[in-house]
Amino acid sequence: MSMPPHNLENVPDQLGYLILNEEGAVVASAGDLENDERTAGILLNIVRLACKVKISEDKPDFFKRLSVIFDTFLYVATISSQKIYISKRKLMPKDPVQA
């Protein structure tokens, strides 16, 4: 059995992952996100919107990592080699956040 061309199985506290191509099609998935086209579409729209946000007028900076945080889990997205990598992880807060 050959190893996949990524190491997403090794992400700590991971519940699942998605890999999307430039068009947003799911090219790989596992765990809670296996074949989850609905979540893929929602997160793709969030990533595309985040890519449009200008951090600075003089430099075209883009995000390196995007987190979408819920009470018990989070999604972490990054773009590399014309693919979008999304990992669903357990949320393990170290200290309670007081607003």
PDB file of N, CA and C in Angstrom:
ATOM      1  N   MET A   1       0.848  -1.187   0.000  1.00  0.00           N
ATOM      2  CA  MET A   1       0.000   0.000   0.000  1.00  0.00           C
ATOM      3  C   MET A   1       0.885   1.239   0.000  1.00  0.00           C
ATOM      4  N   SER A   2       0.652   2.166  -0.919  1.00  0.00           N
ATOM      5  CA  SER A   2       1.481   3.367  -1.003  1.00  0.00           C
ATOM      6  C   SER A   2       0.987   4.447  -0.051  1.00  0.00           C
ATOM      7  N   MET A   3       1.910   5.287   0.380  1.00  0.00           N
ATOM      8  CA  MET A   3       1.583   6.384   1.282  1.00  0.00           C
ATOM      9  C   MET A   3       0.989   7.531   0.474  1.00  0.00           C
ATOM     10  N   PRO A   4       0.002   8.246   1.025  1.00  0.00           N
ATOM     11  CA  PRO A   4      -0.544   9.400   0.322  1.00  0.00           C
ATOM     12  C   PRO A   4       0.510  10.514   0.256  1.00  0.00           C
ATOM     13  N   PRO A   5       0.370  11.440  -0.688  1.00  0.00           N
ATOM     14  CA  PRO A   5       1.380  12.490  -0.862  1.00  0.00           C
ATOM     15  C   PRO A   5       1.235  13.630   0.149  1.00  0.00           C
ATOM     16  N   HIS A   6       0.689  13.361   1.303  1.00  0.00           N
ATOM     17  CA  HIS A   6       0.525  14.362   2.364  1.00  0.00           C
ATOM     18  C   HIS A   6       0.660  13.636   3.693  1.00  0.00           C
ATOM     19  N   ASN A   7       0.734  14.394   4.777  1.00  0.00           N
ATOM     20  CA  ASN A   7       0.870  13.788   6.104  1.00  0.00           C
ATOM     21  C   ASN A   7      -0.309  14.127   6.998  1.00  0.00           C
ATOM     22  N   LEU A   8      -1.476  14.308   6.433  1.00  0.00           N
ATOM     23  CA  LEU A   8      -2.618  14.742   7.233  1.00  0.00           C
ATOM     24  C   LEU A   8      -3.050  13.704   8.262  1.00  0.00           C
ATOM     25  N   GLU A   9      -2.749  12.443   8.038  1.00  0.00           N
ATOM     26  CA  GLU A   9      -3.099  11.425   9.027  1.00  0.00           C
ATOM     27  C   GLU A   9      -2.331  11.617  10.330  1.00  0.00           C
ATOM     28  N   ASN A  10      -1.214  12.358  10.278  1.00  0.00           N
ATOM     29  CA  ASN A  10      -0.355  12.543  11.451  1.00  0.00           C
ATOM     30  C   ASN A  10      -0.678  13.791  12.259  1.00  0.00           C
ATOM     31  N   VAL A  11      -1.688  14.557  11.880  1.00  0.00           N
ATOM     32  CA  VAL A  11      -2.044  15.778  12.610  1.00  0.00           C
ATOM     33  C   VAL A  11      -2.620  15.381  13.967  1.00  0.00           C
ATOM     34  N   PRO A  12      -2.079  15.946  15.065  1.00  0.00           N
ATOM     35  CA  PRO A  12      -2.585  15.579  16.395  1.00  0.00           C
ATOM     36  C   PRO A  12      -4.052  15.976  16.598  1.00  0.00           C
ATOM     37  N   ASP A  13      -4.795  15.155  17.306  1.00  0.00           N
ATOM     38  CA  ASP A  13      -6.193  15.410  17.666  1.00  0.00           C
ATOM     39  C   ASP A  13      -7.091  15.619  16.454  1.00  0.00           C
ATOM     40  N   GLN A  14      -6.719  15.061  15.322  1.00  0.00           N
ATOM     41  CA  GLN A  14      -7.498  15.234  14.102  1.00  0.00           C
ATOM     42  C   GLN A  14      -8.715  14.310  14.089  1.00  0.00           C
ATOM     43  N   LEU A  15      -9.826  14.873  13.623  1.00  0.00           N
ATOM     44  CA  LEU A  15     -11.065  14.114  13.484  1.00  0.00           C
ATOM     45  C   LEU A  15     -11.350  13.751  12.030  1.00  0.00           C
ATOM     46  N   GLY A  16     -10.708  14.461  11.102  1.00  0.00           N
ATOM     47  CA  GLY A  16     -10.901  14.208   9.684  1.00  0.00           C
ATOM     48  C   GLY A  16     -10.209  15.264   8.860  1.00  0.00           C
ATOM     49  N   TYR A  17     -10.156  15.040   7.539  1.00  0.00           N
ATOM     50  CA  TYR A  17      -9.547  16.040   6.667  1.00  0.00           C
ATOM     51  C   TYR A  17     -10.172  16.015   5.281  1.00  0.00           C
ATOM     52  N   LEU A  18      -9.960  17.128   4.569  1.00  0.00           N
ATOM     53  CA  LEU A  18     -10.357  17.281   3.170  1.00  0.00           C
ATOM     54  C   LEU A  18      -9.179  17.863   2.407  1.00  0.00           C
ATOM     55  N   ILE A  19      -9.008  17.449   1.172  1.00  0.00           N
ATOM     56  CA  ILE A  19      -8.079  18.104   0.260  1.00  0.00           C
ATOM     57  C   ILE A  19      -8.902  18.475  -0.968  1.00  0.00           C
ATOM     58  N   LEU A  20      -8.893  19.764  -1.302  1.00  0.00           N
ATOM     59  CA  LEU A  20      -9.658  20.277  -2.435  1.00  0.00           C
ATOM     60  C   LEU A  20      -8.705  20.754  -3.519  1.00  0.00           C
ATOM     61  N   ASN A  21      -9.085  20.598  -4.783  1.00  0.00           N
ATOM     62  CA  ASN A  21      -8.279  21.156  -5.866  1.00  0.00           C
ATOM     63  C   ASN A  21      -8.680  22.614  -6.102  1.00  0.00           C
ATOM     64  N   GLU A  22      -8.073  23.256  -7.092  1.00  0.00           N
ATOM     65  CA  GLU A  22      -8.323  24.676  -7.377  1.00  0.00           C
ATOM     66  C   GLU A  22      -9.795  24.978  -7.631  1.00  0.00           C
ATOM     67  N   GLU A  23     -10.495  24.038  -8.226  1.00  0.00           N
ATOM     68  CA  GLU A  23     -11.907  24.233  -8.550  1.00  0.00           C
ATOM     69  C   GLU A  23     -12.822  23.949  -7.360  1.00  0.00           C
ATOM     70  N   GLY A  24     -12.268  23.386  -6.292  1.00  0.00           N
ATOM     71  CA  GLY A  24     -13.064  23.089  -5.111  1.00  0.00           C
ATOM     72  C   GLY A  24     -13.548  21.654  -5.023  1.00  0.00           C
ATOM     73  N   ALA A  25     -13.132  20.825  -5.960  1.00  0.00           N
ATOM     74  CA  ALA A  25     -13.530  19.416  -5.915  1.00  0.00           C
ATOM     75  C   ALA A  25     -12.718  18.681  -4.854  1.00  0.00           C
ATOM     76  N   VAL A  26     -13.364  17.764  -4.153  1.00  0.00           N
ATOM     77  CA  VAL A  26     -12.679  16.968  -3.139  1.00  0.00           C
ATOM     78  C   VAL A  26     -11.818  15.923  -3.848  1.00  0.00           C
ATOM     79  N   VAL A  27     -10.499  15.967  -3.582  1.00  0.00           N
ATOM     80  CA  VAL A  27      -9.589  14.976  -4.180  1.00  0.00           C
ATOM     81  C   VAL A  27      -9.178  13.916  -3.165  1.00  0.00           C
ATOM     82  N   ALA A  28      -9.339  14.216  -1.873  1.00  0.00           N
ATOM     83  CA  ALA A  28      -9.066  13.231  -0.819  1.00  0.00           C
ATOM     84  C   ALA A  28      -9.832  13.650   0.428  1.00  0.00           C
ATOM     85  N   SER A  29     -10.235  12.663   1.217  1.00  0.00           N
ATOM     86  CA  SER A  29     -10.945  12.956   2.464  1.00  0.00           C
ATOM     87  C   SER A  29     -10.857  11.740   3.377  1.00  0.00           C
ATOM     88  N   ALA A  30     -11.079  11.996   4.680  1.00  0.00           N
ATOM     89  CA  ALA A  30     -11.056  10.899   5.649  1.00  0.00           C
ATOM     90  C   ALA A  30     -11.749  11.349   6.927  1.00  0.00           C
ATOM     91  N   GLY A  31     -12.053  10.369   7.779  1.00  0.00           N
ATOM     92  CA  GLY A  31     -12.634  10.653   9.091  1.00  0.00           C
ATOM     93  C   GLY A  31     -13.997  11.315   9.002  1.00  0.00           C
ATOM     94  N   ASP A  32     -14.254  12.261   9.912  1.00  0.00           N
ATOM     95  CA  ASP A  32     -15.540  12.974   9.950  1.00  0.00           C
ATOM     96  C   ASP A  32     -15.852  13.702   8.642  1.00  0.00           C
ATOM     97  N   LEU A  33     -14.825  14.023   7.861  1.00  0.00           N
ATOM     98  CA  LEU A  33     -15.030  14.793   6.630  1.00  0.00           C
ATOM     99  C   LEU A  33     -15.018  13.925   5.372  1.00  0.00           C
ATOM    100  N   GLU A  34     -15.006  12.621   5.534  1.00  0.00           N
ATOM    101  CA  GLU A  34     -14.969  11.747   4.366  1.00  0.00           C
ATOM    102  C   GLU A  34     -16.193  11.965   3.488  1.00  0.00           C
ATOM    103  N   ASN A  35     -15.940  12.306   2.224  1.00  0.00           N
ATOM    104  CA  ASN A  35     -16.981  12.554   1.222  1.00  0.00           C
ATOM    105  C   ASN A  35     -17.973  13.639   1.645  1.00  0.00           C
ATOM    106  N   ASP A  36     -17.548  14.586   2.467  1.00  0.00           N
ATOM    107  CA  ASP A  36     -18.437  15.639   2.966  1.00  0.00           C
ATOM    108  C   ASP A  36     -18.393  16.850   2.027  1.00  0.00           C
ATOM    109  N   GLU A  37     -19.119  16.756   0.935  1.00  0.00           N
ATOM    110  CA  GLU A  37     -19.150  17.813  -0.080  1.00  0.00           C
ATOM    111  C   GLU A  37     -19.765  19.105   0.465  1.00  0.00           C
ATOM    112  N   ARG A  38     -20.735  18.984   1.347  1.00  0.00           N
ATOM    113  CA  ARG A  38     -21.399  20.175   1.902  1.00  0.00           C
ATOM    114  C   ARG A  38     -20.414  21.018   2.707  1.00  0.00           C
ATOM    115  N   THR A  39     -19.706  20.387   3.646  1.00  0.00           N
ATOM    116  CA  THR A  39     -18.712  21.114   4.440  1.00  0.00           C
ATOM    117  C   THR A  39     -17.595  21.628   3.551  1.00  0.00           C
ATOM    118  N   ALA A  40     -17.192  20.857   2.560  1.00  0.00           N
ATOM    119  CA  ALA A  40     -16.155  21.296   1.628  1.00  0.00           C
ATOM    120  C   ALA A  40     -16.574  22.590   0.931  1.00  0.00           C
ATOM    121  N   GLY A  41     -17.821  22.665   0.481  1.00  0.00           N
ATOM    122  CA  GLY A  41     -18.319  23.862  -0.198  1.00  0.00           C
ATOM    123  C   GLY A  41     -18.356  25.079   0.712  1.00  0.00           C
ATOM    124  N   ILE A  42     -18.807  24.879   1.944  1.00  0.00           N
ATOM    125  CA  ILE A  42     -18.877  25.990   2.899  1.00  0.00           C
ATOM    126  C   ILE A  42     -17.475  26.510   3.207  1.00  0.00           C
ATOM    127  N   LEU A  43     -16.552  25.592   3.513  1.00  0.00           N
ATOM    128  CA  LEU A  43     -15.194  26.022   3.849  1.00  0.00           C
ATOM    129  C   LEU A  43     -14.467  26.612   2.641  1.00  0.00           C
ATOM    130  N   LEU A  44     -14.749  26.106   1.450  1.00  0.00           N
ATOM    131  CA  LEU A  44     -14.167  26.684   0.240  1.00  0.00           C
ATOM    132  C   LEU A  44     -14.604  28.139   0.079  1.00  0.00           C
ATOM    133  N   ASN A  45     -15.877  28.427   0.326  1.00  0.00           N
ATOM    134  CA  ASN A  45     -16.366  29.811   0.231  1.00  0.00           C
ATOM    135  C   ASN A  45     -15.681  30.704   1.264  1.00  0.00           C
ATOM    136  N   ILE A  46     -15.461  30.199   2.477  1.00  0.00           N
ATOM    137  CA  ILE A  46     -14.772  30.977   3.508  1.00  0.00           C
ATOM    138  C   ILE A  46     -13.327  31.252   3.083  1.00  0.00           C
ATOM    139  N   VAL A  47     -12.642  30.239   2.564  1.00  0.00           N
ATOM    140  CA  VAL A  47     -11.254  30.402   2.110  1.00  0.00           C
ATOM    141  C   VAL A  47     -11.184  31.411   0.966  1.00  0.00           C
ATOM    142  N   ARG A  48     -12.083  31.295   0.005  1.00  0.00           N
ATOM    143  CA  ARG A  48     -12.078  32.239  -1.125  1.00  0.00           C
ATOM    144  C   ARG A  48     -12.320  33.666  -0.666  1.00  0.00           C
ATOM    145  N   LEU A  49     -13.232  33.854   0.285  1.00  0.00           N
ATOM    146  CA  LEU A  49     -13.479  35.182   0.837  1.00  0.00           C
ATOM    147  C   LEU A  49     -12.242  35.703   1.566  1.00  0.00           C
ATOM    148  N   ALA A  50     -11.608  34.863   2.363  1.00  0.00           N
ATOM    149  CA  ALA A  50     -10.411  35.272   3.097  1.00  0.00           C
ATOM    150  C   ALA A  50      -9.273  35.649   2.146  1.00  0.00           C
ATOM    151  N   CYS A  51      -9.193  35.006   0.999  1.00  0.00           N
ATOM    152  CA  CYS A  51      -8.146  35.322   0.021  1.00  0.00           C
ATOM    153  C   CYS A  51      -8.334  36.714  -0.579  1.00  0.00           C
ATOM    154  N   LYS A  52      -9.547  37.236  -0.548  1.00  0.00           N
ATOM    155  CA  LYS A  52      -9.832  38.561  -1.094  1.00  0.00           C
ATOM    156  C   LYS A  52      -9.504  39.686  -0.123  1.00  0.00           C
ATOM    157  N   VAL A  53      -9.331  39.368   1.164  1.00  0.00           N
ATOM    158  CA  VAL A  53      -9.088  40.389   2.183  1.00  0.00           C
ATOM    159  C   VAL A  53      -7.655  40.892   2.065  1.00  0.00           C
ATOM    160  N   LYS A  54      -7.504  42.203   1.900  1.00  0.00           N
ATOM    161  CA  LYS A  54      -6.176  42.809   1.829  1.00  0.00           C
ATOM    162  C   LYS A  54      -5.739  43.195   3.238  1.00  0.00           C
ATOM    163  N   ILE A  55      -4.615  42.661   3.656  1.00  0.00           N
ATOM    164  CA  ILE A  55      -4.073  42.979   4.972  1.00  0.00           C
ATOM    165  C   ILE A  55      -3.418  44.349   4.943  1.00  0.00           C
ATOM    166  N   SER A  56      -2.752  44.641   3.846  1.00  0.00           N
ATOM    167  CA  SER A  56      -2.028  45.898   3.691  1.00  0.00           C
ATOM    168  C   SER A  56      -2.176  46.371   2.249  1.00  0.00           C
ATOM    169  N   GLU A  57      -2.293  47.666   2.067  1.00  0.00           N
ATOM    170  CA  GLU A  57      -2.428  48.210   0.707  1.00  0.00           C
ATOM    171  C   GLU A  57      -1.140  48.092  -0.098  1.00  0.00           C
ATOM    172  N   ASP A  58       0.014  48.127   0.583  1.00  0.00           N
ATOM    173  CA  ASP A  58       1.285  48.122  -0.139  1.00  0.00           C
ATOM    174  C   ASP A  58       1.882  46.734  -0.351  1.00  0.00           C
ATOM    175  N   LYS A  59       1.357  45.700   0.335  1.00  0.00           N
ATOM    176  CA  LYS A  59       1.870  44.343   0.159  1.00  0.00           C
ATOM    177  C   LYS A  59       0.720  43.372  -0.069  1.00  0.00           C
ATOM    178  N   PRO A  60       0.839  42.522  -1.072  1.00  0.00           N
ATOM    179  CA  PRO A  60      -0.215  41.532  -1.316  1.00  0.00           C
ATOM    180  C   PRO A  60      -0.038  40.300  -0.422  1.00  0.00           C
ATOM    181  N   ASP A  61      -0.239  40.449   0.881  1.00  0.00           N
ATOM    182  CA  ASP A  61      -0.133  39.326   1.808  1.00  0.00           C
ATOM    183  C   ASP A  61      -1.422  38.509   1.823  1.00  0.00           C
ATOM    184  N   PHE A  62      -1.250  37.210   1.978  1.00  0.00           N
ATOM    185  CA  PHE A  62      -2.381  36.308   2.106  1.00  0.00           C
ATOM    186  C   PHE A  62      -2.229  35.523   3.400  1.00  0.00           C
ATOM    187  N   PHE A  63      -3.316  34.975   3.872  1.00  0.00           N
ATOM    188  CA  PHE A  63      -3.241  34.207   5.106  1.00  0.00           C
ATOM    189  C   PHE A  63      -2.384  32.959   4.902  1.00  0.00           C
ATOM    190  N   LYS A  64      -1.761  32.517   5.974  1.00  0.00           N
ATOM    191  CA  LYS A  64      -0.996  31.274   5.939  1.00  0.00           C
ATOM    192  C   LYS A  64      -1.845  30.115   6.447  1.00  0.00           C
ATOM    193  N   ARG A  65      -2.652  30.412   7.454  1.00  0.00           N
ATOM    194  CA  ARG A  65      -3.515  29.404   8.039  1.00  0.00           C
ATOM    195  C   ARG A  65      -4.798  30.095   8.469  1.00  0.00           C
ATOM    196  N   LEU A  66      -5.906  29.461   8.214  1.00  0.00           N
ATOM    197  CA  LEU A  66      -7.214  30.002   8.571  1.00  0.00           C
ATOM    198  C   LEU A  66      -7.904  29.025   9.505  1.00  0.00           C
ATOM    199  N   SER A  67      -8.351  29.510  10.663  1.00  0.00           N
ATOM    200  CA  SER A  67      -9.043  28.647  11.628  1.00  0.00           C
ATOM    201  C   SER A  67     -10.489  29.096  11.772  1.00  0.00           C
ATOM    202  N   VAL A  68     -11.390  28.125  11.796  1.00  0.00           N
ATOM    203  CA  VAL A  68     -12.805  28.360  12.068  1.00  0.00           C
ATOM    204  C   VAL A  68     -13.094  27.551  13.330  1.00  0.00           C
ATOM    205  N   ILE A  69     -13.372  28.262  14.427  1.00  0.00           N
ATOM    206  CA  ILE A  69     -13.423  27.626  15.745  1.00  0.00           C
ATOM    207  C   ILE A  69     -14.858  27.515  16.259  1.00  0.00           C
ATOM    208  N   PHE A  70     -15.202  26.309  16.703  1.00  0.00           N
ATOM    209  CA  PHE A  70     -16.488  26.025  17.335  1.00  0.00           C
ATOM    210  C   PHE A  70     -16.234  25.620  18.785  1.00  0.00           C
ATOM    211  N   ASP A  71     -17.275  25.255  19.519  1.00  0.00           N
ATOM    212  CA  ASP A  71     -17.115  24.919  20.935  1.00  0.00           C
ATOM    213  C   ASP A  71     -16.242  23.696  21.179  1.00  0.00           C
ATOM    214  N   THR A  72     -16.382  22.662  20.380  1.00  0.00           N
ATOM    215  CA  THR A  72     -15.673  21.413  20.653  1.00  0.00           C
ATOM    216  C   THR A  72     -14.675  21.002  19.573  1.00  0.00           C
ATOM    217  N   PHE A  73     -14.659  21.696  18.456  1.00  0.00           N
ATOM    218  CA  PHE A  73     -13.730  21.365  17.371  1.00  0.00           C
ATOM    219  C   PHE A  73     -13.410  22.617  16.570  1.00  0.00           C
ATOM    220  N   LEU A  74     -12.423  22.498  15.683  1.00  0.00           N
ATOM    221  CA  LEU A  74     -12.089  23.596  14.785  1.00  0.00           C
ATOM    222  C   LEU A  74     -11.667  23.034  13.442  1.00  0.00           C
ATOM    223  N   TYR A  75     -11.807  23.861  12.427  1.00  0.00           N
ATOM    224  CA  TYR A  75     -11.282  23.564  11.105  1.00  0.00           C
ATOM    225  C   TYR A  75     -10.060  24.441  10.903  1.00  0.00           C
ATOM    226  N   VAL A  76      -9.001  23.857  10.363  1.00  0.00           N
ATOM    227  CA  VAL A  76      -7.797  24.609  10.028  1.00  0.00           C
ATOM    228  C   VAL A  76      -7.571  24.408   8.535  1.00  0.00           C
ATOM    229  N   ALA A  77      -7.462  25.518   7.800  1.00  0.00           N
ATOM    230  CA  ALA A  77      -7.279  25.448   6.344  1.00  0.00           C
ATOM    231  C   ALA A  77      -5.988  26.141   5.949  1.00  0.00           C
ATOM    232  N   THR A  78      -5.314  25.588   4.981  1.00  0.00           N
ATOM    233  CA  THR A  78      -4.131  26.218   4.400  1.00  0.00           C
ATOM    234  C   THR A  78      -4.100  25.880   2.913  1.00  0.00           C
ATOM    235  N   ILE A  79      -3.421  26.724   2.151  1.00  0.00           N
ATOM    236  CA  ILE A  79      -3.308  26.519   0.704  1.00  0.00           C
ATOM    237  C   ILE A  79      -1.847  26.234   0.381  1.00  0.00           C
ATOM    238  N   SER A  80      -1.616  25.176  -0.394  1.00  0.00           N
ATOM    239  CA  SER A  80      -0.262  24.818  -0.808  1.00  0.00           C
ATOM    240  C   SER A  80      -0.352  24.038  -2.107  1.00  0.00           C
ATOM    241  N   SER A  81       0.557  24.328  -3.026  1.00  0.00           N
ATOM    242  CA  SER A  81       0.637  23.594  -4.300  1.00  0.00           C
ATOM    243  C   SER A  81      -0.711  23.528  -5.007  1.00  0.00           C
ATOM    244  N   GLN A  82      -1.421  24.648  -5.025  1.00  0.00           N
ATOM    245  CA  GLN A  82      -2.704  24.779  -5.711  1.00  0.00           C
ATOM    246  C   GLN A  82      -3.773  23.835  -5.165  1.00  0.00           C
ATOM    247  N   LYS A  83      -3.645  23.473  -3.905  1.00  0.00           N
ATOM    248  CA  LYS A  83      -4.657  22.670  -3.231  1.00  0.00           C
ATOM    249  C   LYS A  83      -4.988  23.317  -1.897  1.00  0.00           C
ATOM    250  N   ILE A  84      -6.194  23.066  -1.424  1.00  0.00           N
ATOM    251  CA  ILE A  84      -6.636  23.556  -0.121  1.00  0.00           C
ATOM    252  C   ILE A  84      -6.690  22.350   0.808  1.00  0.00           C
ATOM    253  N   TYR A  85      -5.944  22.433   1.899  1.00  0.00           N
ATOM    254  CA  TYR A  85      -5.885  21.368   2.886  1.00  0.00           C
ATOM    255  C   TYR A  85      -6.690  21.806   4.102  1.00  0.00           C
ATOM    256  N   ILE A  86      -7.659  21.009   4.503  1.00  0.00           N
ATOM    257  CA  ILE A  86      -8.529  21.337   5.631  1.00  0.00           C
ATOM    258  C   ILE A  86      -8.487  20.173   6.616  1.00  0.00           C
ATOM    259  N   SER A  87      -8.211  20.509   7.862  1.00  0.00           N
ATOM    260  CA  SER A  87      -8.176  19.507   8.922  1.00  0.00           C
ATOM    261  C   SER A  87      -9.229  19.862   9.964  1.00  0.00           C
ATOM    262  N   LYS A  88     -10.012  18.888  10.380  1.00  0.00           N
ATOM    263  CA  LYS A  88     -10.959  19.064  11.481  1.00  0.00           C
ATOM    264  C   LYS A  88     -10.294  18.469  12.715  1.00  0.00           C
ATOM    265  N   ARG A  89     -10.138  19.304  13.758  1.00  0.00           N
ATOM    266  CA  ARG A  89      -9.432  18.869  14.958  1.00  0.00           C
ATOM    267  C   ARG A  89     -10.278  19.096  16.199  1.00  0.00           C
ATOM    268  N   LYS A  90     -10.037  18.273  17.218  1.00  0.00           N
ATOM    269  CA  LYS A  90     -10.672  18.494  18.521  1.00  0.00           C
ATOM    270  C   LYS A  90     -10.150  19.792  19.089  1.00  0.00           C
ATOM    271  N   LEU A  91     -11.032  20.563  19.695  1.00  0.00           N
ATOM    272  CA  LEU A  91     -10.613  21.805  20.350  1.00  0.00           C
ATOM    273  C   LEU A  91     -10.181  21.454  21.768  1.00  0.00           C
ATOM    274  N   MET A  92      -8.947  21.755  22.062  1.00  0.00           N
ATOM    275  CA  MET A  92      -8.372  21.452  23.368  1.00  0.00           C
ATOM    276  C   MET A  92      -7.869  22.753  23.995  1.00  0.00           C
ATOM    277  N   PRO A  93      -8.787  23.609  24.480  1.00  0.00           N
ATOM    278  CA  PRO A  93      -8.329  24.888  25.041  1.00  0.00           C
ATOM    279  C   PRO A  93      -7.492  24.665  26.301  1.00  0.00           C
ATOM    280  N   LYS A  94      -6.399  25.428  26.371  1.00  0.00           N
ATOM    281  CA  LYS A  94      -5.518  25.305  27.536  1.00  0.00           C
ATOM    282  C   LYS A  94      -6.078  26.098  28.715  1.00  0.00           C
ATOM    283  N   ASP A  95      -6.554  27.296  28.433  1.00  0.00           N
ATOM    284  CA  ASP A  95      -7.135  28.141  29.468  1.00  0.00           C
ATOM    285  C   ASP A  95      -8.476  28.656  28.976  1.00  0.00           C
ATOM    286  N   PRO A  96      -9.462  28.770  29.846  1.00  0.00           N
ATOM    287  CA  PRO A  96     -10.739  29.332  29.405  1.00  0.00           C
ATOM    288  C   PRO A  96     -10.565  30.796  28.979  1.00  0.00           C
ATOM    289  N   VAL A  97     -11.251  31.146  27.913  1.00  0.00           N
ATOM    290  CA  VAL A  97     -11.178  32.510  27.401  1.00  0.00           C
ATOM    291  C   VAL A  97     -12.336  33.313  28.002  1.00  0.00           C
ATOM    292  N   GLN A  98     -12.016  34.428  28.613  1.00  0.00           N
ATOM    293  CA  GLN A  98     -13.021  35.315  29.196  1.00  0.00           C
ATOM    294  C   GLN A  98     -13.177  36.519  28.299  1.00  0.00           C
ATOM    295  N   ALA A  99     -14.397  36.809  27.907  1.00  0.00           N
ATOM    296  CA  ALA A  99     -14.639  37.960  27.029  1.00  0.00           C
ATOM    297  C   ALA A  99     -14.981  39.188  27.847  1.00  0.00           C
TER     298      ALA A  99
END
